[in-house]
Full PDB file with SEQRES, HELIX, SHEET, SSBOND, CRYST1, ORIGX, SCALE, CONECT and MASTER records, all heavy atoms in Angstrom:
SEQRES   1 A   32  ALA GLU THR GLN ARG HIS ARG LEU ASN ILE ARG ALA TYR          
SEQRES   2 A   32  ASP ILE ALA THR GLU ALA GLY THR LEU SER GLY GLY ASN          
SEQRES   3 A   32  GLN GLN LYS ILE VAL LEU                                      
HELIX    1 AA1 GLU A    2  ARG A    7  1                                   6    
HELIX    2 AA2 ALA A   19  THR A   21  5                                   3    
HELIX    3 AA3 GLY A   24  VAL A   31  1                                   8    
CRYST1    1.000    1.000    1.000  90.00  90.00  90.00 P 1           1          
ORIGX1      1.000000  0.000000  0.000000        0.00000                         
ORIGX2      0.000000  1.000000  0.000000        0.00000                         
ORIGX3      0.000000  0.000000  1.000000        0.00000                         
SCALE1      1.000000  0.000000  0.000000        0.00000                         
SCALE2      0.000000  1.000000  0.000000        0.00000                         
SCALE3      0.000000  0.000000  1.000000        0.00000                         
ATOM      1  N   ALA A   1     174.643 -96.330  82.829  1.00  0.00           N  
ATOM      2  CA  ALA A   1     175.225 -95.983  81.530  1.00  0.00           C  
ATOM      3  C   ALA A   1     175.466 -94.483  81.419  1.00  0.00           C  
ATOM      4  O   ALA A   1     176.510 -94.038  80.920  1.00  0.00           O  
ATOM      5  CB  ALA A   1     174.316 -96.460  80.399  1.00  0.00           C  
ATOM      6  N   GLU A   2     174.516 -93.683  81.864  1.00  0.00           N  
ATOM      7  CA  GLU A   2     174.668 -92.228  81.810  1.00  0.00           C  
ATOM      8  C   GLU A   2     175.819 -91.776  82.708  1.00  0.00           C  
ATOM      9  O   GLU A   2     176.607 -90.885  82.340  1.00  0.00           O  
ATOM     10  CB  GLU A   2     173.362 -91.554  82.233  1.00  0.00           C  
ATOM     11  CG  GLU A   2     173.267 -90.080  81.875  1.00  0.00           C  
ATOM     12  CD  GLU A   2     173.287 -89.827  80.380  1.00  0.00           C  
ATOM     13  OE1 GLU A   2     172.367 -90.273  79.677  1.00  0.00           O  
ATOM     14  OE2 GLU A   2     174.265 -89.189  79.918  1.00  0.00           O  
ATOM     15  N   THR A   3     175.929 -92.393  83.884  1.00  0.00           N  
ATOM     16  CA  THR A   3     177.036 -92.064  84.798  1.00  0.00           C  
ATOM     17  C   THR A   3     178.383 -92.368  84.135  1.00  0.00           C  
ATOM     18  O   THR A   3     179.309 -91.545  84.183  1.00  0.00           O  
ATOM     19  CB  THR A   3     176.905 -92.866  86.106  1.00  0.00           C  
ATOM     20  OG1 THR A   3     175.693 -92.501  86.758  1.00  0.00           O  
ATOM     21  CG2 THR A   3     178.082 -92.583  87.036  1.00  0.00           C  
ATOM     22  N   GLN A   4     178.495 -93.532  83.504  1.00  0.00           N  
ATOM     23  CA  GLN A   4     179.750 -93.929  82.873  1.00  0.00           C  
ATOM     24  C   GLN A   4     180.058 -93.082  81.638  1.00  0.00           C  
ATOM     25  O   GLN A   4     181.217 -92.785  81.350  1.00  0.00           O  
ATOM     26  CB  GLN A   4     179.704 -95.413  82.494  1.00  0.00           C  
ATOM     27  CG  GLN A   4     179.616 -96.358  83.678  1.00  0.00           C  
ATOM     28  CD  GLN A   4     180.830 -96.267  84.580  1.00  0.00           C  
ATOM     29  OE1 GLN A   4     180.949 -95.373  85.407  1.00  0.00           O  
ATOM     30  NE2 GLN A   4     181.763 -97.173  84.401  1.00  0.00           N  
ATOM     31  N   ARG A   5     179.021 -92.690  80.918  1.00  0.00           N  
ATOM     32  CA  ARG A   5     179.242 -91.840  79.737  1.00  0.00           C  
ATOM     33  C   ARG A   5     179.898 -90.535  80.137  1.00  0.00           C  
ATOM     34  O   ARG A   5     180.845 -90.070  79.468  1.00  0.00           O  
ATOM     35  CB  ARG A   5     177.923 -91.573  79.017  1.00  0.00           C  
ATOM     36  CG  ARG A   5     178.085 -90.711  77.753  1.00  0.00           C  
ATOM     37  CD  ARG A   5     176.844 -90.764  76.896  1.00  0.00           C  
ATOM     38  NE  ARG A   5     175.791 -89.916  77.368  1.00  0.00           N  
ATOM     39  CZ  ARG A   5     175.462 -88.727  76.812  1.00  0.00           C  
ATOM     40  NH1 ARG A   5     176.160 -88.268  75.788  1.00  0.00           N  
ATOM     41  NH2 ARG A   5     174.463 -88.034  77.292  1.00  0.00           N  
ATOM     42  N   HIS A   6     179.417 -89.943  81.237  1.00  0.00           N  
ATOM     43  CA  HIS A   6     180.003 -88.675  81.695  1.00  0.00           C  
ATOM     44  C   HIS A   6     181.356 -88.905  82.352  1.00  0.00           C  
ATOM     45  O   HIS A   6     182.289 -88.122  82.158  1.00  0.00           O  
ATOM     46  CB  HIS A   6     179.046 -87.974  82.658  1.00  0.00           C  
ATOM     47  CG  HIS A   6     177.841 -87.387  81.988  1.00  0.00           C  
ATOM     48  ND1 HIS A   6     177.912 -86.263  81.184  1.00  0.00           N  
ATOM     49  CD2 HIS A   6     176.541 -87.778  81.966  1.00  0.00           C  
ATOM     50  CE1 HIS A   6     176.700 -85.978  80.707  1.00  0.00           C  
ATOM     51  NE2 HIS A   6     175.856 -86.888  81.167  1.00  0.00           N  
ATOM     52  N   ARG A   7     181.485 -89.972  83.095  1.00  0.00           N  
ATOM     53  CA  ARG A   7     182.734 -90.253  83.806  1.00  0.00           C  
ATOM     54  C   ARG A   7     183.899 -90.451  82.845  1.00  0.00           C  
ATOM     55  O   ARG A   7     185.011 -89.971  83.086  1.00  0.00           O  
ATOM     56  CB  ARG A   7     182.555 -91.519  84.665  1.00  0.00           C  
ATOM     57  CG  ARG A   7     183.796 -91.933  85.445  1.00  0.00           C  
ATOM     58  CD  ARG A   7     183.523 -93.230  86.208  1.00  0.00           C  
ATOM     59  NE  ARG A   7     184.662 -93.664  86.967  1.00  0.00           N  
ATOM     60  CZ  ARG A   7     184.726 -94.816  87.625  1.00  0.00           C  
ATOM     61  NH1 ARG A   7     183.685 -95.638  87.622  1.00  0.00           N  
ATOM     62  NH2 ARG A   7     185.816 -95.150  88.294  1.00  0.00           N  
ATOM     63  N   LEU A   8     183.645 -91.140  81.729  1.00  0.00           N  
ATOM     64  CA  LEU A   8     184.710 -91.451  80.776  1.00  0.00           C  
ATOM     65  C   LEU A   8     184.704 -90.530  79.561  1.00  0.00           C  
ATOM     66  O   LEU A   8     185.495 -90.706  78.648  1.00  0.00           O  
ATOM     67  CB  LEU A   8     184.598 -92.909  80.306  1.00  0.00           C  
ATOM     68  CG  LEU A   8     185.262 -93.950  81.198  1.00  0.00           C  
ATOM     69  CD1 LEU A   8     184.529 -94.087  82.523  1.00  0.00           C  
ATOM     70  CD2 LEU A   8     185.327 -95.305  80.516  1.00  0.00           C  
ATOM     71  N   ASN A   9     183.807 -89.551  79.560  1.00  0.00           N  
ATOM     72  CA  ASN A   9     183.720 -88.615  78.438  1.00  0.00           C  
ATOM     73  C   ASN A   9     183.535 -89.355  77.114  1.00  0.00           C  
ATOM     74  O   ASN A   9     184.236 -89.099  76.135  1.00  0.00           O  
ATOM     75  CB  ASN A   9     184.967 -87.714  78.381  1.00  0.00           C  
ATOM     76  CG  ASN A   9     184.802 -86.562  77.402  1.00  0.00           C  
ATOM     77  OD1 ASN A   9     183.698 -86.089  77.153  1.00  0.00           O  
ATOM     78  ND2 ASN A   9     185.908 -86.110  76.823  1.00  0.00           N  
ATOM     79  N   ILE A  10     182.580 -90.281  77.096  1.00  0.00           N  
ATOM     80  CA  ILE A  10     182.266 -91.017  75.871  1.00  0.00           C  
ATOM     81  C   ILE A  10     181.458 -90.102  74.960  1.00  0.00           C  
ATOM     82  O   ILE A  10     180.370 -89.655  75.310  1.00  0.00           O  
ATOM     83  CB  ILE A  10     181.466 -92.298  76.186  1.00  0.00           C  
ATOM     84  CG1 ILE A  10     182.291 -93.227  77.094  1.00  0.00           C  
ATOM     85  CG2 ILE A  10     181.078 -93.023  74.897  1.00  0.00           C  
ATOM     86  CD1 ILE A  10     181.516 -94.427  77.602  1.00  0.00           C  
ATOM     87  N   ARG A  11     182.002 -89.826  73.785  1.00  0.00           N  
ATOM     88  CA  ARG A  11     181.365 -88.881  72.866  1.00  0.00           C  
ATOM     89  C   ARG A  11     180.341 -89.620  72.006  1.00  0.00           C  
ATOM     90  O   ARG A  11     180.649 -90.141  70.937  1.00  0.00           O  
ATOM     91  CB  ARG A  11     182.418 -88.189  72.019  1.00  0.00           C  
ATOM     92  CG  ARG A  11     183.385 -87.341  72.848  1.00  0.00           C  
ATOM     93  CD  ARG A  11     184.414 -86.645  71.972  1.00  0.00           C  
ATOM     94  NE  ARG A  11     185.328 -85.838  72.768  1.00  0.00           N  
ATOM     95  CZ  ARG A  11     186.473 -86.277  73.282  1.00  0.00           C  
ATOM     96  NH1 ARG A  11     186.842 -87.539  73.063  1.00  0.00           N  
ATOM     97  NH2 ARG A  11     187.256 -85.497  73.986  1.00  0.00           N  
ATOM     98  N   ALA A  12     179.127 -89.660  72.524  1.00  0.00           N  
ATOM     99  CA  ALA A  12     178.007 -90.281  71.813  1.00  0.00           C  
ATOM    100  C   ALA A  12     176.804 -89.364  71.966  1.00  0.00           C  
ATOM    101  O   ALA A  12     176.691 -88.640  72.961  1.00  0.00           O  
ATOM    102  CB  ALA A  12     177.705 -91.659  72.390  1.00  0.00           C  
ATOM    103  N   TYR A  13     175.909 -89.419  70.981  1.00  0.00           N  
ATOM    104  CA  TYR A  13     174.734 -88.540  71.035  1.00  0.00           C  
ATOM    105  C   TYR A  13     173.936 -88.785  72.302  1.00  0.00           C  
ATOM    106  O   TYR A  13     173.501 -87.851  72.980  1.00  0.00           O  
ATOM    107  CB  TYR A  13     173.869 -88.753  69.795  1.00  0.00           C  
ATOM    108  CG  TYR A  13     172.623 -87.885  69.764  1.00  0.00           C  
ATOM    109  CD1 TYR A  13     172.730 -86.523  69.481  1.00  0.00           C  
ATOM    110  CD2 TYR A  13     171.370 -88.435  70.040  1.00  0.00           C  
ATOM    111  CE1 TYR A  13     171.595 -85.720  69.471  1.00  0.00           C  
ATOM    112  CE2 TYR A  13     170.236 -87.636  70.032  1.00  0.00           C  
ATOM    113  CZ  TYR A  13     170.352 -86.278  69.751  1.00  0.00           C  
ATOM    114  OH  TYR A  13     169.233 -85.492  69.758  1.00  0.00           O  
ATOM    115  N   ASP A  14     173.724 -90.062  72.632  1.00  0.00           N  
ATOM    116  CA  ASP A  14     173.066 -90.429  73.885  1.00  0.00           C  
ATOM    117  C   ASP A  14     173.407 -91.878  74.179  1.00  0.00           C  
ATOM    118  O   ASP A  14     174.121 -92.539  73.419  1.00  0.00           O  
ATOM    119  CB  ASP A  14     171.551 -90.195  73.836  1.00  0.00           C  
ATOM    120  CG  ASP A  14     170.856 -90.964  72.721  1.00  0.00           C  
ATOM    121  OD1 ASP A  14     171.381 -92.031  72.306  1.00  0.00           O  
ATOM    122  OD2 ASP A  14     169.803 -90.522  72.256  1.00  0.00           O  
ATOM    123  N   ILE A  15     172.905 -92.397  75.296  1.00  0.00           N  
ATOM    124  CA  ILE A  15     173.256 -93.752  75.710  1.00  0.00           C  
ATOM    125  C   ILE A  15     172.567 -94.819  74.875  1.00  0.00           C  
ATOM    126  O   ILE A  15     172.876 -96.006  75.006  1.00  0.00           O  
ATOM    127  CB  ILE A  15     172.947 -93.964  77.209  1.00  0.00           C  
ATOM    128  CG1 ILE A  15     171.472 -93.661  77.515  1.00  0.00           C  
ATOM    129  CG2 ILE A  15     173.872 -93.136  78.078  1.00  0.00           C  
ATOM    130  CD1 ILE A  15     171.074 -93.951  78.949  1.00  0.00           C  
ATOM    131  N   ALA A  16     171.653 -94.425  73.996  1.00  0.00           N  
ATOM    132  CA  ALA A  16     171.005 -95.377  73.087  1.00  0.00           C  
ATOM    133  C   ALA A  16     171.799 -95.559  71.792  1.00  0.00           C  
ATOM    134  O   ALA A  16     171.454 -96.399  70.956  1.00  0.00           O  
ATOM    135  CB  ALA A  16     169.586 -94.912  72.757  1.00  0.00           C  
ATOM    136  N   THR A  17     172.875 -94.797  71.615  1.00  0.00           N  
ATOM    137  CA  THR A  17     173.691 -94.872  70.398  1.00  0.00           C  
ATOM    138  C   THR A  17     174.340 -96.244  70.276  1.00  0.00           C  
ATOM    139  O   THR A  17     174.881 -96.781  71.245  1.00  0.00           O  
ATOM    140  CB  THR A  17     174.788 -93.795  70.431  1.00  0.00           C  
ATOM    141  OG1 THR A  17     174.176 -92.508  70.566  1.00  0.00           O  
ATOM    142  CG2 THR A  17     175.619 -93.824  69.160  1.00  0.00           C  
ATOM    143  N   GLU A  18     174.301 -96.833  69.074  1.00  0.00           N  
ATOM    144  CA  GLU A  18     174.937 -98.127  68.856  1.00  0.00           C  
ATOM    145  C   GLU A  18     176.452 -97.993  68.907  1.00  0.00           C  
ATOM    146  O   GLU A  18     177.027 -97.045  68.356  1.00  0.00           O  
ATOM    147  CB  GLU A  18     174.517 -98.708  67.505  1.00  0.00           C  
ATOM    148  CG  GLU A  18     173.083 -99.200  67.473  1.00  0.00           C  
ATOM    149  CD  GLU A  18     172.753 -99.935  66.180  1.00  0.00           C  
ATOM    150  OE1 GLU A  18     173.677-100.099  65.343  1.00  0.00           O  
ATOM    151  OE2 GLU A  18     171.597-100.346  66.016  1.00  0.00           O  
ATOM    152  N   ALA A  19     177.114 -98.954  69.535  1.00  0.00           N  
ATOM    153  CA  ALA A  19     178.573 -98.906  69.697  1.00  0.00           C  
ATOM    154  C   ALA A  19     179.292 -98.879  68.354  1.00  0.00           C  
ATOM    155  O   ALA A  19     180.333 -98.232  68.212  1.00  0.00           O  
ATOM    156  CB  ALA A  19     179.035-100.106  70.516  1.00  0.00           C  
ATOM    157  N   GLY A  20     178.743 -99.583  67.359  1.00  0.00           N  
ATOM    158  CA  GLY A  20     179.409 -99.674  66.066  1.00  0.00           C  
ATOM    159  C   GLY A  20     179.495 -98.359  65.312  1.00  0.00           C  
ATOM    160  O   GLY A  20     180.273 -98.253  64.359  1.00  0.00           O  
ATOM    161  N   THR A  21     178.736 -97.355  65.718  1.00  0.00           N  
ATOM    162  CA  THR A  21     178.756 -96.063  65.023  1.00  0.00           C  
ATOM    163  C   THR A  21     179.794 -95.111  65.604  1.00  0.00           C  
ATOM    164  O   THR A  21     179.995 -94.028  65.057  1.00  0.00           O  
ATOM    165  CB  THR A  21     177.381 -95.382  65.103  1.00  0.00           C  
ATOM    166  OG1 THR A  21     177.087 -95.046  66.480  1.00  0.00           O  
ATOM    167  CG2 THR A  21     176.284 -96.298  64.577  1.00  0.00           C  
ATOM    168  N   LEU A  22     180.457 -95.501  66.688  1.00  0.00           N  
ATOM    169  CA  LEU A  22     181.380 -94.597  67.378  1.00  0.00           C  
ATOM    170  C   LEU A  22     182.823 -94.818  66.929  1.00  0.00           C  
ATOM    171  O   LEU A  22     183.167 -95.835  66.333  1.00  0.00           O  
ATOM    172  CB  LEU A  22     181.275 -94.800  68.898  1.00  0.00           C  
ATOM    173  CG  LEU A  22     179.887 -94.564  69.505  1.00  0.00           C  
ATOM    174  CD1 LEU A  22     179.929 -94.806  71.008  1.00  0.00           C  
ATOM    175  CD2 LEU A  22     179.389 -93.156  69.196  1.00  0.00           C  
ATOM    176  N   SER A  23     183.671 -93.845  67.237  1.00  0.00           N  
ATOM    177  CA  SER A  23     185.090 -93.934  66.905  1.00  0.00           C  
ATOM    178  C   SER A  23     185.771 -95.000  67.756  1.00  0.00           C  
ATOM    179  O   SER A  23     185.233 -95.468  68.772  1.00  0.00           O  
ATOM    180  CB  SER A  23     185.776 -92.591  67.155  1.00  0.00           C  
ATOM    181  OG  SER A  23     185.837 -92.317  68.551  1.00  0.00           O  
ATOM    182  N   GLY A  24     186.993 -95.390  67.344  1.00  0.00           N  
ATOM    183  CA  GLY A  24     187.733 -96.407  68.081  1.00  0.00           C  
ATOM    184  C   GLY A  24     187.983 -96.029  69.525  1.00  0.00           C  
ATOM    185  O   GLY A  24     187.880 -96.866  70.432  1.00  0.00           O  
ATOM    186  N   GLY A  25     188.317 -94.760  69.761  1.00  0.00           N  
ATOM    187  CA  GLY A  25     188.570 -94.316  71.120  1.00  0.00           C  
ATOM    188  C   GLY A  25     187.341 -94.414  71.997  1.00  0.00           C  
ATOM    189  O   GLY A  25     187.415 -94.836  73.162  1.00  0.00           O  
ATOM    190  N   ASN A  26     186.194 -94.038  71.457  1.00  0.00           N  
ATOM    191  CA  ASN A  26     184.953 -94.110  72.232  1.00  0.00           C  
ATOM    192  C   ASN A  26     184.496 -95.553  72.429  1.00  0.00           C  
ATOM    193  O   ASN A  26     183.924 -95.895  73.467  1.00  0.00           O  
ATOM    194  CB  ASN A  26     183.863 -93.274  71.554  1.00  0.00           C  
ATOM    195  CG  ASN A  26     184.090 -91.791  71.746  1.00  0.00           C  
ATOM    196  OD1 ASN A  26     184.137 -91.306  72.874  1.00  0.00           O  
ATOM    197  ND2 ASN A  26     184.250 -91.056  70.658  1.00  0.00           N  
ATOM    198  N   GLN A  27     184.752 -96.422  71.450  1.00  0.00           N  
ATOM    199  CA  GLN A  27     184.447 -97.838  71.634  1.00  0.00           C  
ATOM    200  C   GLN A  27     185.301 -98.427  72.757  1.00  0.00           C  
ATOM    201  O   GLN A  27     184.810 -99.211  73.580  1.00  0.00           O  
ATOM    202  CB  GLN A  27     184.682 -98.603  70.329  1.00  0.00           C  
ATOM    203  CG  GLN A  27     183.656 -98.301  69.259  1.00  0.00           C  
ATOM    204  CD  GLN A  27     183.949 -99.033  67.970  1.00  0.00           C  
ATOM    205  OE1 GLN A  27     185.017 -99.621  67.796  1.00  0.00           O  
ATOM    206  NE2 GLN A  27     183.004 -99.004  67.039  1.00  0.00           N  
ATOM    207  N   GLN A  28     186.570 -98.041  72.797  1.00  0.00           N  
ATOM    208  CA  GLN A  28     187.434 -98.545  73.859  1.00  0.00           C  
ATOM    209  C   GLN A  28     186.948 -98.085  75.235  1.00  0.00           C  
ATOM    210  O   GLN A  28     187.009 -98.827  76.215  1.00  0.00           O  
ATOM    211  CB  GLN A  28     188.878 -98.073  73.617  1.00  0.00           C  
ATOM    212  CG  GLN A  28     189.918 -98.705  74.526  1.00  0.00           C  
ATOM    213  CD  GLN A  28     190.221-100.138  74.145  1.00  0.00           C  
ATOM    214  OE1 GLN A  28     189.316-100.928  73.862  1.00  0.00           O  
ATOM    215  NE2 GLN A  28     191.484-100.498  74.155  1.00  0.00           N  
ATOM    216  N   LYS A  29     186.439 -96.865  75.293  1.00  0.00           N  
ATOM    217  CA  LYS A  29     185.910 -96.349  76.558  1.00  0.00           C  
ATOM    218  C   LYS A  29     184.664 -97.127  76.992  1.00  0.00           C  
ATOM    219  O   LYS A  29     184.432 -97.311  78.192  1.00  0.00           O  
ATOM    220  CB  LYS A  29     185.574 -94.862  76.426  1.00  0.00           C  
ATOM    221  CG  LYS A  29     186.795 -93.955  76.325  1.00  0.00           C  
ATOM    222  CD  LYS A  29     186.355 -92.506  76.162  1.00  0.00           C  
ATOM    223  CE  LYS A  29     187.519 -91.577  75.941  1.00  0.00           C  
ATOM    224  NZ  LYS A  29     187.065 -90.176  75.749  1.00  0.00           N  
ATOM    225  N   ILE A  30     183.871 -97.608  76.035  1.00  0.00           N  
ATOM    226  CA  ILE A  30     182.689 -98.406  76.395  1.00  0.00           C  
ATOM    227  C   ILE A  30     183.126 -99.735  77.006  1.00  0.00           C  
ATOM    228  O   ILE A  30     182.558-100.193  78.001  1.00  0.00           O  
ATOM    229  CB  ILE A  30     181.785 -98.653  75.165  1.00  0.00           C  
ATOM    230  CG1 ILE A  30     181.199 -97.334  74.648  1.00  0.00           C  
ATOM    231  CG2 ILE A  30     180.647 -99.602  75.525  1.00  0.00           C  
ATOM    232  CD1 ILE A  30     180.417 -97.476  73.356  1.00  0.00           C  
ATOM    233  N   VAL A  31     184.157-100.367  76.392  1.00  0.00           N  
ATOM    234  CA  VAL A  31     184.676-101.613  76.964  1.00  0.00           C  
ATOM    235  C   VAL A  31     185.123-101.379  78.396  1.00  0.00           C  
ATOM    236  O   VAL A  31     184.846-102.168  79.302  1.00  0.00           O  
ATOM    237  CB  VAL A  31     185.841-102.158  76.113  1.00  0.00           C  
ATOM    238  CG1 VAL A  31     186.408-103.427  76.748  1.00  0.00           C  
ATOM    239  CG2 VAL A  31     185.382-102.453  74.694  1.00  0.00           C  
ATOM    240  N   LEU A  32     185.814-100.264  78.602  1.00  0.00           N  
ATOM    241  CA  LEU A  32     186.289 -99.932  79.945  1.00  0.00           C  
ATOM    242  C   LEU A  32     185.119 -99.591  80.873  1.00  0.00           C  
ATOM    243  O   LEU A  32     185.109 -99.967  82.052  1.00  0.00           O  
ATOM    244  CB  LEU A  32     187.262 -98.759  79.862  1.00  0.00           C  
ATOM    245  CG  LEU A  32     187.957 -98.323  81.144  1.00  0.00           C  
ATOM    246  CD1 LEU A  32     188.653 -99.495  81.820  1.00  0.00           C  
ATOM    247  CD2 LEU A  32     188.955 -97.211  80.843  1.00  0.00           C  
TER     248      LEU A  32                                                      
MASTER        0    0    0    3    0    0    0    6  247    1    0    3          
END                                                                             
């Protein structure tokens, strides 16, 4: 998860952040 967060530049406080609290763009990056 940490590798993917940095690879896709997912803007979240940390990897424990709930998906529902993030913007649409960052949610799409999680799906990817």
